[in-house]
Amino acid sequence: MGAQKSIPAGRGKVRIGVNFIEKLCCSHMLPPFSAHVSPFSLISGSLCMKHPNLFGRREMLDIGWHKGAHDSNLMIAYRKTRPQHLGQRSLTLQHSVSPEVGIHGIPMKNFSHSASGDVNLSQLSIGLDMNEPSTSNWNNTTSISFKHIHFTNNGGRSISRDLDGFLVTRSGYSSDNMITVKQESRFEEAKDDRFSHFSLQMEQGVAFLSNTTFNRFKFVVSKGVKLGPVFFSTWLTGGSIVGAISPYQAFAIGGPSSVRGYGEGSVGSGQSCLVSKSELTIPLKNTLEGVVFLDCGSDLGTSHRVPGNPALRKGKPGSGYGIGYGVRFKSQLAHVQVEYAINAFQQRTIYFGIRNPVL
């Protein structure tokens, strides 16, 4: 469930938004919740707050918090409004804590769920983002950041190796420190009967102590077009890493935002990846629509290039697909969605979400 609200603040308004989505797993029907597992552990959500005039000099403060099924992330961004032709600069602070299930998780229930592998990641990032002046539908951003990455087990003790004795960091210690430079170019165009999106990310990094460098790139291409009464949408995501790769930098494949029907990272984790998602949306009534989808993903045979090959040790297949259908109800009060996914091992998963209800 979720909510959005505006609160007066000086000359502007503080904007607050909340969204939650819940994942339910089943074989043929929903089983009762276990007494040892809280249903809240399956809930994902986000909270955002925007203050457009923090000290009365047009300073913008953005605070965003996200809770996933296995992770949480807090980001604070501060910037002072500048003339549009000069571009924008913002100082960002980001802290995330999560069980590293995407890489070190253990696939369960025919790969529909990822259990903890007793490896938890904490990441602190401090950086400067510089947005170039927008030209037409293009936007370019350059970021320079310092990152501190630290690992613990479920008991909170610092670790440098996983349960099988393989290193979880590049330095060999419980923490990695690095300086990264990230560049991103985005193109967006939207009309009533179609949309297009393209983004390309390039990241270069230098790690301390281990004195190693890496280059990582990722792209996302999406396209949507109306075909008579139905709307067809497709997304293609891919990426690769060149240089000294650490296990936590690998691409994790599987999950609600990747290949539905699988747990986080249950399809695989590799030095490279390719994921496609396609949806056909069918209008049923004025505010009700049905959806049919197909998701596919692969590590392109690069799991062995990740140090320690965690995907092979966890028995991940390296490629997989999820098919399914669902209904989505959209009104001025809220957006409700229910999706039913089946993976390649015939395991069934239900996703339920309520977004943007009016307070």
Protein backbone atom coordinates (compact mmCIF):
# COMPACT_ATOMS: atom_id res chain seq x y z
CA MET A 1 0.00 0.00 0.00
CA GLY A 2 1.17 3.58 -0.35
CA ALA A 3 0.42 7.23 0.04
CA GLN A 4 1.42 10.67 -1.19
CA LYS A 5 0.87 13.95 0.65
CA SER A 6 1.97 17.57 0.32
CA ILE A 7 2.65 19.73 3.38
CA PRO A 8 3.19 23.53 3.12
CA ALA A 9 6.77 24.57 3.88
CA GLY A 10 7.71 28.19 3.35
CA ARG A 11 7.36 29.06 -0.31
CA GLY A 12 7.11 25.45 -1.44
CA LYS A 13 5.66 22.16 -0.34
CA VAL A 14 7.16 19.12 1.31
CA ARG A 15 6.16 16.14 -0.79
CA ILE A 16 5.89 12.77 0.93
CA GLY A 17 5.22 9.50 -0.89
CA VAL A 18 4.84 5.91 0.26
CA ASN A 19 4.55 2.69 -1.76
CA PHE A 20 4.37 -0.93 -0.63
CA ILE A 21 4.15 -4.24 -2.47
CA GLU A 22 3.84 -7.73 -1.03
CA LYS A 23 5.08 -11.03 -2.52
CA LEU A 24 3.25 -14.27 -1.73
CA CYS A 25 4.58 -17.70 -2.76
CA CYS A 26 2.39 -20.72 -3.43
CA SER A 27 2.29 -24.13 -5.09
CA HIS A 28 -1.36 -24.30 -6.17
CA MET A 29 -2.93 -22.00 -3.60
CA LEU A 30 -1.73 -19.66 -0.87
CA PRO A 31 -0.53 -21.56 2.22
CA PRO A 32 -1.08 -20.14 5.73
CA PHE A 33 1.75 -18.04 7.11
CA SER A 34 4.16 -19.88 9.41
CA ALA A 35 4.15 -18.86 13.05
CA HIS A 36 7.91 -18.36 12.77
CA VAL A 37 7.75 -16.07 9.71
CA SER A 38 6.18 -12.63 9.92
CA PRO A 39 4.13 -11.60 6.85
CA PHE A 40 5.83 -8.19 7.10
CA SER A 41 9.12 -9.83 6.07
CA LEU A 42 7.65 -10.24 2.57
CA ILE A 43 6.71 -6.55 2.22
CA SER A 44 8.71 -4.11 0.10
CA GLY A 45 8.15 -0.37 0.29
CA SER A 46 9.50 3.12 -0.21
CA LEU A 47 9.20 6.49 1.45
CA CYS A 48 10.28 9.76 -0.15
CA MET A 49 10.29 13.38 1.00
CA LYS A 50 11.15 16.45 -1.07
CA HIS A 51 11.71 19.90 0.47
CA PRO A 52 12.09 22.59 -2.24
CA ASN A 53 13.14 25.53 -0.03
CA LEU A 54 15.14 24.21 2.92
CA PHE A 55 16.85 27.40 4.18
CA GLY A 56 14.79 29.92 2.23
CA ARG A 57 17.39 30.16 -0.55
CA ARG A 58 15.89 27.63 -2.96
CA GLU A 59 17.90 24.69 -1.66
CA MET A 60 16.39 21.30 -2.48
CA LEU A 61 16.52 18.43 -0.01
CA ASP A 62 15.51 14.93 -1.18
CA ILE A 63 15.25 12.05 1.27
CA GLY A 64 14.42 8.58 0.02
CA TRP A 65 14.11 5.34 1.95
CA HIS A 66 13.46 1.93 0.43
CA LYS A 67 12.79 -1.39 2.12
CA GLY A 68 13.00 -4.46 -0.06
CA ALA A 69 12.22 -8.04 0.84
CA HIS A 70 15.87 -8.44 1.86
CA ASP A 71 17.34 -4.95 1.92
CA SER A 72 16.98 -1.32 2.95
CA ASN A 73 18.43 1.82 1.44
CA LEU A 74 18.56 5.45 2.63
CA MET A 75 19.59 8.29 0.33
CA ILE A 76 19.87 11.99 1.14
CA ALA A 77 20.55 14.51 -1.61
CA TYR A 78 21.10 18.26 -1.20
CA ARG A 79 21.41 20.79 -3.99
CA LYS A 80 21.05 24.52 -4.54
CA THR A 81 18.98 25.56 -7.52
CA ARG A 82 21.09 27.00 -10.35
CA PRO A 83 20.16 28.51 -13.72
CA GLN A 84 19.03 25.79 -16.11
CA HIS A 85 21.82 26.47 -18.63
CA LEU A 86 24.46 25.79 -15.95
CA GLY A 87 23.16 22.35 -15.01
CA GLN A 88 22.64 21.10 -11.47
CA ARG A 89 24.99 19.76 -8.80
CA SER A 90 24.00 17.81 -5.72
CA LEU A 91 25.77 16.32 -2.73
CA THR A 92 24.53 12.82 -1.93
CA LEU A 93 24.85 10.51 1.04
CA GLN A 94 23.66 6.93 0.68
CA HIS A 95 23.67 4.04 3.12
CA SER A 96 22.33 0.55 2.42
CA VAL A 97 22.19 -2.64 4.46
CA SER A 98 21.11 -5.99 3.05
CA PRO A 99 21.62 -9.73 3.22
CA GLU A 100 23.66 -10.46 0.10
CA VAL A 101 21.08 -12.95 -1.21
CA GLY A 102 21.52 -11.85 -4.82
CA ILE A 103 25.03 -13.34 -4.94
CA HIS A 104 25.42 -15.56 -1.85
CA GLY A 105 21.76 -16.52 -1.30
CA ILE A 106 20.64 -20.15 -1.37
CA PRO A 107 17.81 -20.91 -3.85
CA MET A 108 14.79 -22.58 -2.22
CA LYS A 109 11.38 -23.92 -3.31
CA ASN A 110 12.34 -24.60 -6.93
CA PHE A 111 14.26 -21.31 -7.14
CA SER A 112 11.25 -19.15 -6.25
CA HIS A 113 12.84 -17.97 -2.99
CA SER A 114 16.39 -17.09 -1.89
CA ALA A 115 17.44 -17.91 1.68
CA SER A 116 20.25 -16.10 3.47
CA GLY A 117 23.78 -17.38 2.96
CA ASP A 118 24.95 -15.72 6.22
CA VAL A 119 26.57 -12.86 4.27
CA ASN A 120 25.33 -9.30 4.86
CA LEU A 121 26.51 -6.20 3.02
CA SER A 122 26.64 -2.64 4.34
CA GLN A 123 27.56 0.13 1.90
CA LEU A 124 28.20 3.80 2.60
CA SER A 125 28.62 6.21 -0.31
CA ILE A 126 29.40 9.95 -0.31
CA GLY A 127 29.56 11.73 -3.62
CA LEU A 128 28.93 14.67 -5.92
CA ASP A 129 26.46 14.40 -8.81
CA MET A 130 26.70 16.82 -11.72
CA ASN A 131 23.81 17.05 -14.20
CA GLU A 132 24.60 18.66 -17.52
CA PRO A 133 22.00 20.98 -19.09
CA SER A 134 19.31 18.88 -20.78
CA THR A 135 19.17 18.91 -24.58
CA SER A 136 15.89 17.83 -26.12
CA ASN A 137 15.04 14.43 -24.55
CA TRP A 138 18.61 13.68 -23.45
CA ASN A 139 20.06 14.03 -19.95
CA ASN A 140 23.67 13.39 -18.87
CA THR A 141 24.95 12.91 -15.32
CA THR A 142 28.47 12.47 -13.93
CA SER A 143 29.06 11.27 -10.36
CA ILE A 144 32.23 11.05 -8.28
CA SER A 145 31.92 8.97 -5.10
CA PHE A 146 33.80 7.40 -2.25
CA LYS A 147 32.41 3.98 -1.27
CA HIS A 148 32.97 1.94 1.87
CA ILE A 149 31.72 -1.65 1.63
CA HIS A 150 31.63 -3.84 4.73
CA PHE A 151 30.52 -7.45 5.33
CA THR A 152 29.10 -9.15 8.43
CA ASN A 153 27.44 -12.47 9.20
CA ASN A 154 23.93 -12.83 10.60
CA GLY A 155 25.31 -12.37 14.09
CA GLY A 156 26.79 -8.96 13.23
CA ARG A 157 30.42 -10.14 13.23
CA SER A 158 32.73 -8.79 10.50
CA ILE A 159 33.70 -11.42 7.93
CA SER A 160 35.98 -11.63 4.92
CA ARG A 161 34.88 -15.11 3.71
CA ASP A 162 31.58 -16.88 3.11
CA LEU A 163 30.46 -20.16 4.65
CA ASP A 164 32.49 -22.13 2.08
CA GLY A 165 35.68 -20.21 2.88
CA PHE A 166 35.78 -18.04 -0.26
CA LEU A 167 36.59 -14.32 -0.10
CA VAL A 168 33.64 -11.90 -0.22
CA THR A 169 35.84 -8.81 -0.79
CA ARG A 170 38.62 -7.93 -3.19
CA SER A 171 41.04 -6.74 -0.52
CA GLY A 172 40.84 -9.94 1.55
CA TYR A 173 39.67 -7.97 4.59
CA SER A 174 36.10 -7.47 5.80
CA SER A 175 35.86 -4.12 3.96
CA ASP A 176 36.62 -2.63 0.58
CA ASN A 177 37.15 1.10 -0.08
CA MET A 178 37.11 2.64 -3.52
CA ILE A 179 36.74 5.80 -5.57
CA THR A 180 34.36 5.58 -8.53
CA VAL A 181 33.44 7.84 -11.43
CA LYS A 182 30.06 7.10 -13.01
CA GLN A 183 28.63 8.57 -16.19
CA GLU A 184 25.04 8.08 -17.32
CA SER A 185 23.21 9.18 -20.44
CA ARG A 186 19.41 8.94 -20.60
CA PHE A 187 16.89 9.42 -23.40
CA GLU A 188 13.15 9.53 -22.73
CA GLU A 189 10.21 10.19 -25.01
CA ALA A 190 6.56 9.56 -24.19
CA LYS A 191 3.33 10.05 -26.14
CA ASP A 192 -0.23 8.82 -25.67
CA ASP A 193 0.27 5.80 -27.93
CA ARG A 194 3.98 5.02 -27.43
CA PHE A 195 7.07 5.56 -25.32
CA SER A 196 10.83 5.09 -25.69
CA HIS A 197 13.60 4.97 -23.10
CA PHE A 198 17.34 4.38 -23.29
CA SER A 199 20.02 4.68 -20.65
CA LEU A 200 23.72 3.83 -20.65
CA GLN A 201 25.83 3.74 -17.49
CA MET A 202 29.64 3.62 -17.45
CA GLU A 203 31.47 3.29 -14.15
CA GLN A 204 35.22 3.32 -13.55
CA GLY A 205 36.63 2.50 -10.13
CA VAL A 206 39.89 2.20 -8.23
CA ALA A 207 39.92 0.07 -5.07
CA PHE A 208 42.22 0.89 -2.16
CA LEU A 209 44.57 -1.65 -0.55
CA SER A 210 44.02 -4.20 -3.33
CA ASN A 211 45.17 -1.52 -5.84
CA THR A 212 42.86 -2.85 -8.56
CA THR A 213 40.71 -1.13 -11.16
CA PHE A 214 37.49 -2.10 -12.89
CA ASN A 215 35.12 -0.80 -15.55
CA ARG A 216 31.41 -1.61 -15.44
CA PHE A 217 28.75 -0.76 -17.98
CA LYS A 218 25.01 -1.32 -18.03
CA PHE A 219 22.29 -0.41 -20.52
CA VAL A 220 18.49 -0.37 -20.40
CA VAL A 221 16.32 -0.08 -23.51
CA SER A 222 12.54 -0.02 -23.37
CA LYS A 223 9.84 0.52 -25.95
CA GLY A 224 6.08 0.60 -25.81
CA VAL A 225 3.51 0.92 -28.59
CA LYS A 226 -0.27 0.76 -28.80
CA LEU A 227 -1.56 -1.95 -31.14
CA GLY A 228 -5.25 -1.34 -31.59
CA PRO A 229 -6.90 -1.71 -28.17
CA VAL A 230 -3.86 -3.38 -26.52
CA PHE A 231 -0.50 -1.95 -25.47
CA PHE A 232 2.75 -3.89 -25.97
CA SER A 233 5.83 -3.03 -23.85
CA THR A 234 9.29 -4.55 -23.84
CA TRP A 235 12.48 -3.95 -21.82
CA LEU A 236 16.01 -5.17 -22.46
CA THR A 237 18.72 -4.84 -19.80
CA GLY A 238 22.34 -5.93 -20.07
CA GLY A 239 25.79 -5.24 -18.72
CA SER A 240 29.33 -6.44 -18.19
CA ILE A 241 32.40 -5.78 -16.05
CA VAL A 242 35.97 -5.53 -17.29
CA GLY A 243 38.92 -5.72 -14.94
CA ALA A 244 39.19 -6.88 -11.34
CA ILE A 245 35.71 -7.99 -10.31
CA SER A 246 34.60 -8.57 -6.73
CA PRO A 247 31.79 -11.07 -5.95
CA TYR A 248 29.36 -8.34 -4.80
CA GLN A 249 29.80 -6.49 -8.11
CA ALA A 250 28.43 -9.39 -10.17
CA PHE A 251 25.06 -9.05 -11.91
CA ALA A 252 22.37 -10.90 -9.94
CA ILE A 253 19.53 -12.27 -12.09
CA GLY A 254 16.09 -13.14 -10.75
CA GLY A 255 13.46 -11.35 -8.67
CA PRO A 256 10.41 -9.08 -9.15
CA SER A 257 12.41 -6.41 -10.97
CA SER A 258 14.37 -8.94 -13.06
CA VAL A 259 12.84 -12.35 -13.86
CA ARG A 260 9.52 -12.80 -12.06
CA GLY A 261 8.84 -16.21 -10.57
CA TYR A 262 12.38 -16.48 -9.17
CA GLY A 263 13.92 -15.34 -5.91
CA GLU A 264 16.52 -12.57 -5.78
CA GLY A 265 19.53 -13.81 -7.76
CA SER A 266 18.12 -17.36 -8.04
CA VAL A 267 18.59 -17.49 -11.82
CA GLY A 268 22.32 -16.74 -11.60
CA SER A 269 25.07 -14.21 -11.01
CA GLY A 270 27.78 -13.46 -13.56
CA GLN A 271 30.32 -11.03 -14.89
CA SER A 272 27.77 -10.23 -17.62
CA CYS A 273 24.01 -10.48 -17.94
CA LEU A 274 21.10 -10.05 -20.32
CA VAL A 275 17.48 -9.75 -19.16
CA SER A 276 14.36 -9.17 -21.24
CA LYS A 277 10.82 -8.41 -20.07
CA SER A 278 7.74 -8.19 -22.28
CA GLU A 279 4.15 -7.31 -21.37
CA LEU A 280 0.88 -7.18 -23.26
CA THR A 281 -1.69 -4.97 -21.53
CA ILE A 282 -5.35 -5.56 -22.39
CA PRO A 283 -8.07 -3.07 -21.35
CA LEU A 284 -11.00 -4.83 -19.64
CA LYS A 285 -13.00 -1.87 -18.32
CA ASN A 286 -12.41 1.85 -17.88
CA THR A 287 -10.16 1.39 -14.83
CA LEU A 288 -9.35 -2.34 -15.09
CA GLU A 289 -6.79 -3.97 -17.36
CA GLY A 290 -5.29 -7.41 -17.74
CA VAL A 291 -1.63 -8.16 -18.40
CA VAL A 292 0.28 -11.12 -19.83
CA PHE A 293 4.06 -11.16 -19.41
CA LEU A 294 7.19 -13.11 -20.24
CA ASP A 295 10.56 -12.53 -18.52
CA CYS A 296 13.87 -14.14 -19.54
CA GLY A 297 17.39 -13.80 -18.14
CA SER A 298 20.88 -15.27 -18.53
CA ASP A 299 24.38 -14.78 -17.12
CA LEU A 300 25.73 -15.48 -20.64
CA GLY A 301 27.95 -18.24 -19.27
CA THR A 302 30.07 -15.86 -17.17
CA SER A 303 29.35 -17.17 -13.65
CA HIS A 304 32.78 -18.85 -13.49
CA ARG A 305 34.45 -15.45 -13.91
CA VAL A 306 33.10 -14.28 -10.55
CA PRO A 307 35.71 -15.04 -7.81
CA GLY A 308 34.70 -18.19 -5.94
CA ASN A 309 31.94 -18.92 -8.50
CA PRO A 310 29.11 -18.57 -5.93
CA ALA A 311 26.42 -19.31 -8.54
CA LEU A 312 27.84 -22.77 -9.27
CA ARG A 313 28.25 -23.58 -5.56
CA LYS A 314 24.60 -22.59 -4.92
CA GLY A 315 23.32 -24.66 -7.85
CA LYS A 316 21.89 -21.75 -9.83
CA PRO A 317 20.91 -22.64 -13.43
CA GLY A 318 22.43 -19.56 -15.08
CA SER A 319 19.36 -18.88 -17.21
CA GLY A 320 15.62 -18.97 -16.72
CA TYR A 321 12.25 -17.61 -17.68
CA GLY A 322 9.02 -16.65 -15.98
CA ILE A 323 5.59 -16.39 -17.56
CA GLY A 324 2.38 -15.15 -16.05
CA TYR A 325 -0.63 -12.92 -16.05
CA GLY A 326 -2.38 -10.48 -13.79
CA VAL A 327 -4.87 -7.67 -13.38
CA ARG A 328 -4.30 -4.00 -12.63
CA PHE A 329 -6.91 -1.59 -11.31
CA LYS A 330 -6.20 2.10 -11.80
CA SER A 331 -8.28 4.90 -10.35
CA GLN A 332 -7.79 8.36 -8.90
CA LEU A 333 -7.71 6.82 -5.42
CA ALA A 334 -5.10 4.06 -5.91
CA HIS A 335 -3.38 1.64 -8.29
CA VAL A 336 -3.84 -2.03 -7.36
CA GLN A 337 -2.05 -4.91 -9.08
CA VAL A 338 -2.05 -8.69 -8.70
CA GLU A 339 0.37 -10.80 -10.76
CA TYR A 340 0.75 -14.58 -10.96
CA ALA A 341 4.12 -15.90 -12.21
CA ILE A 342 5.35 -19.42 -13.04
CA ASN A 343 9.07 -20.13 -13.44
CA ALA A 344 10.81 -22.82 -15.50
CA PHE A 345 10.53 -25.26 -12.56
CA GLN A 346 6.73 -24.84 -12.37
CA GLN A 347 6.92 -22.96 -9.06
CA ARG A 348 4.17 -20.39 -8.69
CA THR A 349 4.47 -16.93 -7.14
CA ILE A 350 1.91 -14.19 -6.53
CA TYR A 351 2.76 -10.49 -6.33
CA PHE A 352 0.25 -8.06 -4.81
CA GLY A 353 0.67 -4.29 -4.67
CA ILE A 354 -1.20 -1.08 -3.84
CA ARG A 355 0.38 2.14 -5.09
CA ASN A 356 -0.35 5.85 -4.74
CA PRO A 357 -3.55 5.85 -2.66
CA VAL A 358 -4.93 9.26 -1.76
CA LEU A 359 -4.74 10.18 1.94
